[in-house]
Amino acid sequence: MKQLDALKAVGLALLILALNLLVATAAITVYALATSPGRAVVVDVRALHVADWSAPIGGACLFFLAAWVLGRRRPQRNAVAFSALVWVAYAILDVGSGAAMGDGRAMLSPLMAASLGVALLGAVAGGLLARTRTAPTQNATTVSEIAS
């Protein structure tokens, strides 16, 4: 992997983090609107717990999609290794930003570990799927060239 790939991984990690925050915010908003229809949107403590399940699911889906798309786009790059590098950058940014906001203990919680765990699973699954989808095409080309 090239040094430029490390910078791309950090940029992609920032993008995934921002998109995951948007997913959690959207889930909180939908919950608040559903529980208080017709009223001004007031987010209470119960609504904030919606982020406890929406952020891990959103993170896993975003990682899966990013690893799959980028793995398909550049089949010569090891999609699994690149998605793992993006995940490492994401974990550092996520834990670091949470700790910087004064919530260091929450960053060491089982929920945070589960969230990062499912994000890693999504990243690896997307990378593996991208790799397995591109391999038959490459083998078919090789077989047809040999047959010619």
C-alpha atoms as a PDB file:
ATOM      1  CA  MET A   1       0.000   0.000   0.000  1.00  0.00           C
ATOM      2  CA  LYS A   2       1.210   3.495  -0.800  1.00  0.00           C
ATOM      3  CA  GLN A   3       1.587   6.409   1.609  1.00  0.00           C
ATOM      4  CA  LEU A   4      -1.153   8.226  -0.278  1.00  0.00           C
ATOM      5  CA  ASP A   5      -3.492   5.357   0.625  1.00  0.00           C
ATOM      6  CA  ALA A   6      -3.000   6.194   4.313  1.00  0.00           C
ATOM      7  CA  LEU A   7      -4.123   9.775   3.693  1.00  0.00           C
ATOM      8  CA  LYS A   8      -7.087   8.517   1.691  1.00  0.00           C
ATOM      9  CA  ALA A   9      -7.963   6.170   4.556  1.00  0.00           C
ATOM     10  CA  VAL A  10      -7.994   9.045   7.055  1.00  0.00           C
ATOM     11  CA  GLY A  11     -10.154  11.144   4.726  1.00  0.00           C
ATOM     12  CA  LEU A  12     -12.575   8.277   4.200  1.00  0.00           C
ATOM     13  CA  ALA A  13     -12.681   7.652   7.957  1.00  0.00           C
ATOM     14  CA  LEU A  14     -13.628  11.306   8.512  1.00  0.00           C
ATOM     15  CA  LEU A  15     -16.350  11.032   5.866  1.00  0.00           C
ATOM     16  CA  ILE A  16     -17.763   7.839   7.394  1.00  0.00           C
ATOM     17  CA  LEU A  17     -17.690   9.404  10.868  1.00  0.00           C
ATOM     18  CA  ALA A  18     -19.584  12.473   9.625  1.00  0.00           C
ATOM     19  CA  LEU A  19     -22.124  10.348   7.734  1.00  0.00           C
ATOM     20  CA  ASN A  20     -22.618   8.117  10.763  1.00  0.00           C
ATOM     21  CA  LEU A  21     -23.317  11.179  12.910  1.00  0.00           C
ATOM     22  CA  LEU A  22     -25.901  12.229  10.318  1.00  0.00           C
ATOM     23  CA  VAL A  23     -27.501   8.772  10.451  1.00  0.00           C
ATOM     24  CA  ALA A  24     -27.727   8.926  14.251  1.00  0.00           C
ATOM     25  CA  THR A  25     -29.107  12.473  14.146  1.00  0.00           C
ATOM     26  CA  ALA A  26     -31.715  11.461  11.572  1.00  0.00           C
ATOM     27  CA  ALA A  27     -32.758   8.475  13.702  1.00  0.00           C
ATOM     28  CA  ILE A  28     -33.095  10.689  16.789  1.00  0.00           C
ATOM     29  CA  THR A  29     -35.155  13.212  14.813  1.00  0.00           C
ATOM     30  CA  VAL A  30     -37.475  10.539  13.413  1.00  0.00           C
ATOM     31  CA  TYR A  31     -37.945   9.098  16.902  1.00  0.00           C
ATOM     32  CA  ALA A  32     -38.684  12.528  18.376  1.00  0.00           C
ATOM     33  CA  LEU A  33     -41.193  13.308  15.607  1.00  0.00           C
ATOM     34  CA  ALA A  34     -42.859   9.904  15.954  1.00  0.00           C
ATOM     35  CA  THR A  35     -43.266  10.179  19.721  1.00  0.00           C
ATOM     36  CA  SER A  36     -44.400  13.825  19.694  1.00  0.00           C
ATOM     37  CA  PRO A  37     -46.338  14.398  16.451  1.00  0.00           C
ATOM     38  CA  GLY A  38     -47.444  17.954  15.827  1.00  0.00           C
ATOM     39  CA  ARG A  39     -45.299  19.446  18.560  1.00  0.00           C
ATOM     40  CA  ALA A  40     -42.026  21.263  18.395  1.00  0.00           C
ATOM     41  CA  VAL A  41     -39.199  18.786  18.176  1.00  0.00           C
ATOM     42  CA  VAL A  42     -37.733  18.504  21.631  1.00  0.00           C
ATOM     43  CA  VAL A  43     -35.121  15.823  22.041  1.00  0.00           C
ATOM     44  CA  ASP A  44     -35.307  14.211  25.436  1.00  0.00           C
ATOM     45  CA  VAL A  45     -32.992  11.685  27.039  1.00  0.00           C
ATOM     46  CA  ARG A  46     -34.978   8.738  25.657  1.00  0.00           C
ATOM     47  CA  ALA A  47     -34.444   9.990  22.111  1.00  0.00           C
ATOM     48  CA  LEU A  48     -30.699  10.096  22.630  1.00  0.00           C
ATOM     49  CA  HIS A  49     -30.714   6.351  23.359  1.00  0.00           C
ATOM     50  CA  VAL A  50     -31.846   5.809  19.770  1.00  0.00           C
ATOM     51  CA  ALA A  51     -28.264   6.625  18.784  1.00  0.00           C
ATOM     52  CA  ASP A  52     -27.091   3.646  20.871  1.00  0.00           C
ATOM     53  CA  TRP A  53     -28.461   1.264  18.241  1.00  0.00           C
ATOM     54  CA  SER A  54     -28.616   3.450  15.119  1.00  0.00           C
ATOM     55  CA  ALA A  55     -24.942   4.519  15.149  1.00  0.00           C
ATOM     56  CA  PRO A  56     -23.482   0.978  15.280  1.00  0.00           C
ATOM     57  CA  ILE A  57     -25.840  -0.244  12.554  1.00  0.00           C
ATOM     58  CA  GLY A  58     -25.195   2.839  10.447  1.00  0.00           C
ATOM     59  CA  GLY A  59     -21.428   2.534  10.932  1.00  0.00           C
ATOM     60  CA  ALA A  60     -21.396  -1.112   9.882  1.00  0.00           C
ATOM     61  CA  CYS A  61     -23.484  -0.352   6.789  1.00  0.00           C
ATOM     62  CA  LEU A  62     -21.344   2.648   5.841  1.00  0.00           C
ATOM     63  CA  PHE A  63     -18.126   0.663   6.250  1.00  0.00           C
ATOM     64  CA  PHE A  64     -19.514  -2.233   4.242  1.00  0.00           C
ATOM     65  CA  LEU A  65     -20.622   0.055   1.432  1.00  0.00           C
ATOM     66  CA  ALA A  66     -17.375   2.039   1.352  1.00  0.00           C
ATOM     67  CA  ALA A  67     -15.176  -1.081   1.355  1.00  0.00           C
ATOM     68  CA  TRP A  68     -17.276  -2.753  -1.317  1.00  0.00           C
ATOM     69  CA  VAL A  69     -17.439   0.273  -3.620  1.00  0.00           C
ATOM     70  CA  LEU A  70     -13.762   1.156  -3.284  1.00  0.00           C
ATOM     71  CA  GLY A  71     -12.702  -2.476  -3.596  1.00  0.00           C
ATOM     72  CA  ARG A  72     -14.652  -2.798  -6.833  1.00  0.00           C
ATOM     73  CA  ARG A  73     -13.335   0.502  -8.138  1.00  0.00           C
ATOM     74  CA  ARG A  74      -9.677  -0.386  -7.620  1.00  0.00           C
ATOM     75  CA  PRO A  75      -9.365  -4.175  -7.745  1.00  0.00           C
ATOM     76  CA  GLN A  76      -5.554  -4.012  -7.725  1.00  0.00           C
ATOM     77  CA  ARG A  77      -5.682  -2.585  -4.163  1.00  0.00           C
ATOM     78  CA  ASN A  78      -6.152  -5.039  -1.318  1.00  0.00           C
ATOM     79  CA  ALA A  79      -9.698  -4.054  -0.330  1.00  0.00           C
ATOM     80  CA  VAL A  80      -9.601  -5.839   3.027  1.00  0.00           C
ATOM     81  CA  ALA A  81      -6.315  -4.244   4.084  1.00  0.00           C
ATOM     82  CA  PHE A  82      -7.457  -0.799   2.946  1.00  0.00           C
ATOM     83  CA  SER A  83     -10.804  -1.091   4.729  1.00  0.00           C
ATOM     84  CA  ALA A  84      -9.005  -2.223   7.898  1.00  0.00           C
ATOM     85  CA  LEU A  85      -6.751   0.837   7.619  1.00  0.00           C
ATOM     86  CA  VAL A  86      -9.834   3.053   7.266  1.00  0.00           C
ATOM     87  CA  TRP A  87     -11.320   1.368  10.334  1.00  0.00           C
ATOM     88  CA  VAL A  88      -8.166   2.019  12.402  1.00  0.00           C
ATOM     89  CA  ALA A  89      -8.275   5.709  11.428  1.00  0.00           C
ATOM     90  CA  TYR A  90     -12.016   5.792  12.225  1.00  0.00           C
ATOM     91  CA  ALA A  91     -11.498   4.186  15.642  1.00  0.00           C
ATOM     92  CA  ILE A  92      -8.763   6.662  16.542  1.00  0.00           C
ATOM     93  CA  LEU A  93     -10.871   9.623  15.401  1.00  0.00           C
ATOM     94  CA  ASP A  94     -14.052   8.382  17.079  1.00  0.00           C
ATOM     95  CA  VAL A  95     -12.458   7.529  20.421  1.00  0.00           C
ATOM     96  CA  GLY A  96     -10.255  10.613  20.338  1.00  0.00           C
ATOM     97  CA  SER A  97     -13.114  13.000  19.593  1.00  0.00           C
ATOM     98  CA  GLY A  98     -15.300  11.429  22.266  1.00  0.00           C
ATOM     99  CA  ALA A  99     -12.543  11.614  24.849  1.00  0.00           C
ATOM    100  CA  ALA A 100     -11.779  15.219  23.877  1.00  0.00           C
ATOM    101  CA  MET A 101     -15.406  16.128  24.580  1.00  0.00           C
ATOM    102  CA  GLY A 102     -14.894  14.966  28.153  1.00  0.00           C
ATOM    103  CA  ASP A 103     -16.609  11.609  27.907  1.00  0.00           C
ATOM    104  CA  GLY A 104     -13.569   9.344  28.184  1.00  0.00           C
ATOM    105  CA  ARG A 105     -15.345   6.663  30.220  1.00  0.00           C
ATOM    106  CA  ALA A 106     -18.057   6.255  27.578  1.00  0.00           C
ATOM    107  CA  MET A 107     -15.343   5.613  25.007  1.00  0.00           C
ATOM    108  CA  LEU A 108     -14.273   2.539  26.984  1.00  0.00           C
ATOM    109  CA  SER A 109     -17.769   1.083  27.303  1.00  0.00           C
ATOM    110  CA  PRO A 110     -19.025  -2.254  25.977  1.00  0.00           C
ATOM    111  CA  LEU A 111     -21.371  -0.318  23.663  1.00  0.00           C
ATOM    112  CA  MET A 112     -18.419   1.492  22.090  1.00  0.00           C
ATOM    113  CA  ALA A 113     -16.517  -1.775  21.706  1.00  0.00           C
ATOM    114  CA  ALA A 114     -19.555  -3.388  20.076  1.00  0.00           C
ATOM    115  CA  SER A 115     -20.003  -0.406  17.785  1.00  0.00           C
ATOM    116  CA  LEU A 116     -16.390  -0.526  16.632  1.00  0.00           C
ATOM    117  CA  GLY A 117     -16.585  -4.314  16.345  1.00  0.00           C
ATOM    118  CA  VAL A 118     -19.569  -4.326  14.008  1.00  0.00           C
ATOM    119  CA  ALA A 119     -17.973  -1.509  11.996  1.00  0.00           C
ATOM    120  CA  LEU A 120     -14.875  -3.674  11.542  1.00  0.00           C
ATOM    121  CA  LEU A 121     -17.039  -6.620  10.513  1.00  0.00           C
ATOM    122  CA  GLY A 122     -18.807  -4.417   7.966  1.00  0.00           C
ATOM    123  CA  ALA A 123     -15.480  -3.182   6.587  1.00  0.00           C
ATOM    124  CA  VAL A 124     -13.991  -6.658   6.263  1.00  0.00           C
ATOM    125  CA  ALA A 125     -17.185  -8.097   4.773  1.00  0.00           C
ATOM    126  CA  GLY A 126     -17.349  -5.317   2.176  1.00  0.00           C
ATOM    127  CA  GLY A 127     -13.688  -5.787   1.314  1.00  0.00           C
ATOM    128  CA  LEU A 128     -14.076  -9.553   1.002  1.00  0.00           C
ATOM    129  CA  LEU A 129     -17.188  -9.236  -1.134  1.00  0.00           C
ATOM    130  CA  ALA A 130     -15.441  -6.751  -3.427  1.00  0.00           C
ATOM    131  CA  ARG A 131     -12.483  -9.094  -3.749  1.00  0.00           C
ATOM    132  CA  THR A 132     -14.566 -12.191  -4.468  1.00  0.00           C
ATOM    133  CA  ARG A 133     -16.691 -10.325  -6.988  1.00  0.00           C
ATOM    134  CA  THR A 134     -13.694  -9.063  -8.942  1.00  0.00           C
ATOM    135  CA  ALA A 135     -11.689 -12.312  -8.853  1.00  0.00           C
ATOM    136  CA  PRO A 136     -13.920 -14.369 -11.218  1.00  0.00           C
ATOM    137  CA  THR A 137     -13.802 -11.602 -13.824  1.00  0.00           C
ATOM    138  CA  GLN A 138     -10.017 -11.578 -13.706  1.00  0.00           C
ATOM    139  CA  ASN A 139      -9.863 -15.380 -13.858  1.00  0.00           C
ATOM    140  CA  ALA A 140     -12.295 -15.455 -16.787  1.00  0.00           C
ATOM    141  CA  THR A 141     -10.059 -13.087 -18.690  1.00  0.00           C
ATOM    142  CA  THR A 142      -7.030 -15.233 -17.910  1.00  0.00           C
ATOM    143  CA  VAL A 143      -8.813 -18.441 -18.952  1.00  0.00           C
ATOM    144  CA  SER A 144     -10.037 -16.889 -22.204  1.00  0.00           C
ATOM    145  CA  GLU A 145      -6.549 -15.642 -22.971  1.00  0.00           C
ATOM    146  CA  ILE A 146      -5.122 -19.117 -22.374  1.00  0.00           C
ATOM    147  CA  ALA A 147      -7.818 -20.718 -24.533  1.00  0.00           C
ATOM    148  CA  SER A 148      -7.084 -18.356 -27.442  1.00  0.00           C
END
